[in-house]
C-alpha atoms as a PDB file:
ATOM      1  CA  MET A   1       0.000   0.000   0.000  1.00  0.00           C
ATOM      2  CA  SER A   2       1.375   3.417  -0.908  1.00  0.00           C
ATOM      3  CA  LYS A   3       1.802   6.035   1.750  1.00  0.00           C
ATOM      4  CA  ASN A   4      -0.185   9.254   1.544  1.00  0.00           C
ATOM      5  CA  LYS A   5       1.764  12.459   2.036  1.00  0.00           C
ATOM      6  CA  VAL A   6      -0.185  15.498   3.221  1.00  0.00           C
ATOM      7  CA  ASP A   7       0.909  18.999   4.202  1.00  0.00           C
ATOM      8  CA  VAL A   8      -1.028  20.197   7.243  1.00  0.00           C
ATOM      9  CA  ILE A   9      -0.927  23.259   9.464  1.00  0.00           C
ATOM     10  CA  ILE A  10      -0.688  22.714  13.201  1.00  0.00           C
ATOM     11  CA  GLY A  11      -0.060  25.638  15.508  1.00  0.00           C
ATOM     12  CA  ASP A  12       0.855  28.010  12.655  1.00  0.00           C
ATOM     13  CA  GLN A  13       3.508  25.615  11.316  1.00  0.00           C
ATOM     14  CA  VAL A  14       3.365  23.435   8.230  1.00  0.00           C
ATOM     15  CA  TYR A  15       4.081  19.744   8.731  1.00  0.00           C
ATOM     16  CA  THR A  16       4.297  17.029   6.104  1.00  0.00           C
ATOM     17  CA  ILE A  17       2.538  13.953   7.442  1.00  0.00           C
ATOM     18  CA  GLN A  18       2.955  10.595   5.758  1.00  0.00           C
ATOM     19  CA  GLY A  19       0.732   7.634   6.537  1.00  0.00           C
ATOM     20  CA  ASP A  20      -1.306   4.700   5.300  1.00  0.00           C
ATOM     21  CA  GLU A  21      -4.631   6.381   6.033  1.00  0.00           C
ATOM     22  CA  PRO A  22      -6.486   8.373   3.357  1.00  0.00           C
ATOM     23  CA  SER A  23      -5.499  12.036   3.021  1.00  0.00           C
ATOM     24  CA  GLU A  24      -8.850  13.125   4.457  1.00  0.00           C
ATOM     25  CA  HIS A  25      -8.196  11.102   7.615  1.00  0.00           C
ATOM     26  CA  ILE A  26      -4.734  12.615   8.075  1.00  0.00           C
ATOM     27  CA  GLU A  27      -6.155  16.112   7.563  1.00  0.00           C
ATOM     28  CA  ARG A  28      -8.908  15.440  10.099  1.00  0.00           C
ATOM     29  CA  VAL A  29      -6.400  14.230  12.704  1.00  0.00           C
ATOM     30  CA  ALA A  30      -4.260  17.325  12.138  1.00  0.00           C
ATOM     31  CA  SER A  31      -7.349  19.519  12.414  1.00  0.00           C
ATOM     32  CA  ILE A  32      -8.248  17.987  15.780  1.00  0.00           C
ATOM     33  CA  VAL A  33      -4.735  18.625  17.099  1.00  0.00           C
ATOM     34  CA  ASN A  34      -4.676  22.156  15.684  1.00  0.00           C
ATOM     35  CA  ASN A  35      -8.080  23.010  17.157  1.00  0.00           C
ATOM     36  CA  GLN A  36      -7.038  21.771  20.595  1.00  0.00           C
ATOM     37  CA  ILE A  37      -3.842  23.829  20.447  1.00  0.00           C
ATOM     38  CA  LYS A  38      -5.884  26.915  19.513  1.00  0.00           C
ATOM     39  CA  GLU A  39      -8.300  26.278  22.399  1.00  0.00           C
ATOM     40  CA  ILE A  40      -5.420  26.091  24.860  1.00  0.00           C
ATOM     41  CA  GLU A  41      -3.694  29.172  23.457  1.00  0.00           C
ATOM     42  CA  GLN A  42      -6.941  31.185  23.585  1.00  0.00           C
ATOM     43  CA  SER A  43      -7.701  30.137  27.151  1.00  0.00           C
ATOM     44  CA  GLU A  44      -6.540  32.067  30.185  1.00  0.00           C
ATOM     45  CA  LYS A  45      -3.825  29.452  30.814  1.00  0.00           C
ATOM     46  CA  GLY A  46      -2.596  29.832  27.247  1.00  0.00           C
ATOM     47  CA  LYS A  47      -1.203  33.258  28.045  1.00  0.00           C
ATOM     48  CA  TYR A  48       1.387  31.701  30.330  1.00  0.00           C
ATOM     49  CA  ILE A  49       2.547  28.581  28.481  1.00  0.00           C
ATOM     50  CA  ASP A  50       4.772  28.063  25.463  1.00  0.00           C
ATOM     51  CA  SER A  51       4.089  25.943  22.387  1.00  0.00           C
ATOM     52  CA  SER A  52       5.811  22.826  23.733  1.00  0.00           C
ATOM     53  CA  GLN A  53       3.680  22.979  26.878  1.00  0.00           C
ATOM     54  CA  SER A  54       0.582  23.395  24.689  1.00  0.00           C
ATOM     55  CA  ALA A  55       1.613  20.314  22.723  1.00  0.00           C
ATOM     56  CA  ILE A  56       2.004  18.312  25.945  1.00  0.00           C
ATOM     57  CA  LEU A  57      -1.449  19.399  27.145  1.00  0.00           C
ATOM     58  CA  VAL A  58      -2.956  18.404  23.789  1.00  0.00           C
ATOM     59  CA  ALA A  59      -1.223  15.018  23.980  1.00  0.00           C
ATOM     60  CA  ILE A  60      -2.596  14.489  27.494  1.00  0.00           C
ATOM     61  CA  ASN A  61      -6.119  15.483  26.398  1.00  0.00           C
ATOM     62  CA  ILE A  62      -6.030  13.188  23.370  1.00  0.00           C
ATOM     63  CA  ALA A  63      -4.581  10.296  25.403  1.00  0.00           C
ATOM     64  CA  ASN A  64      -7.333  10.825  27.980  1.00  0.00           C
ATOM     65  CA  ASP A  65     -10.023  10.744  25.278  1.00  0.00           C
ATOM     66  CA  TYR A  66      -8.435   7.634  23.753  1.00  0.00           C
ATOM     67  CA  LEU A  67      -8.311   5.841  27.100  1.00  0.00           C
ATOM     68  CA  LYS A  68     -11.964   6.657  27.835  1.00  0.00           C
ATOM     69  CA  VAL A  69     -13.056   5.280  24.450  1.00  0.00           C
ATOM     70  CA  LYS A  70     -10.867   2.196  24.858  1.00  0.00           C
ATOM     71  CA  MET A  71     -12.293   1.465  28.305  1.00  0.00           C
ATOM     72  CA  GLU A  72     -15.840   1.950  27.013  1.00  0.00           C
ATOM     73  CA  LEU A  73     -15.152  -0.419  24.114  1.00  0.00           C
ATOM     74  CA  GLU A  74     -13.747  -3.027  26.513  1.00  0.00           C
ATOM     75  CA  LYS A  75     -16.878  -2.680  28.658  1.00  0.00           C
ATOM     76  CA  TYR A  76     -19.130  -3.191  25.623  1.00  0.00           C
ATOM     77  CA  ASN A  77     -17.068  -6.192  24.523  1.00  0.00           C
ATOM     78  CA  GLU A  78     -17.463  -7.780  27.955  1.00  0.00           C
ATOM     79  CA  GLU A  79     -21.203  -7.091  27.927  1.00  0.00           C
ATOM     80  CA  ASN A  80     -21.404  -8.558  24.428  1.00  0.00           C
ATOM     81  CA  LYS A  81     -19.574 -11.720  25.546  1.00  0.00           C
ATOM     82  CA  ALA A  82     -21.958 -12.097  28.480  1.00  0.00           C
ATOM     83  CA  LEU A  83     -24.981 -11.705  26.203  1.00  0.00           C
ATOM     84  CA  LEU A  84     -23.586 -14.233  23.723  1.00  0.00           C
ATOM     85  CA  LYS A  85     -23.046 -16.674  26.565  1.00  0.00           C
ATOM     86  CA  GLN A  86     -26.655 -16.192  27.691  1.00  0.00           C
ATOM     87  CA  ILE A  87     -27.870 -16.808  24.137  1.00  0.00           C
ATOM     88  CA  GLU A  88     -25.789 -19.974  23.852  1.00  0.00           C
ATOM     89  CA  GLU A  89     -27.285 -21.260  27.101  1.00  0.00           C
ATOM     90  CA  LEU A  90     -30.840 -20.962  25.753  1.00  0.00           C
END
């Protein structure tokens, strides 16, 4: 599979991102990161932190969101297994 190469803007800088996902997916990911950086910079806290600190806060926020979704998926998988077991016992 060929890699897609996309130029994106994150935090007023242009980055070339290369990946297996479609260009639209890469652009959407970059947009999410860029929007979170803008939110932090426009907040009251943003006045007192530099760009590397903003990037760390964005990484923490995204990791937190990822972990919540992963835990929810695991919960649904366990519930699904329990329901399948109940069906098999019928």
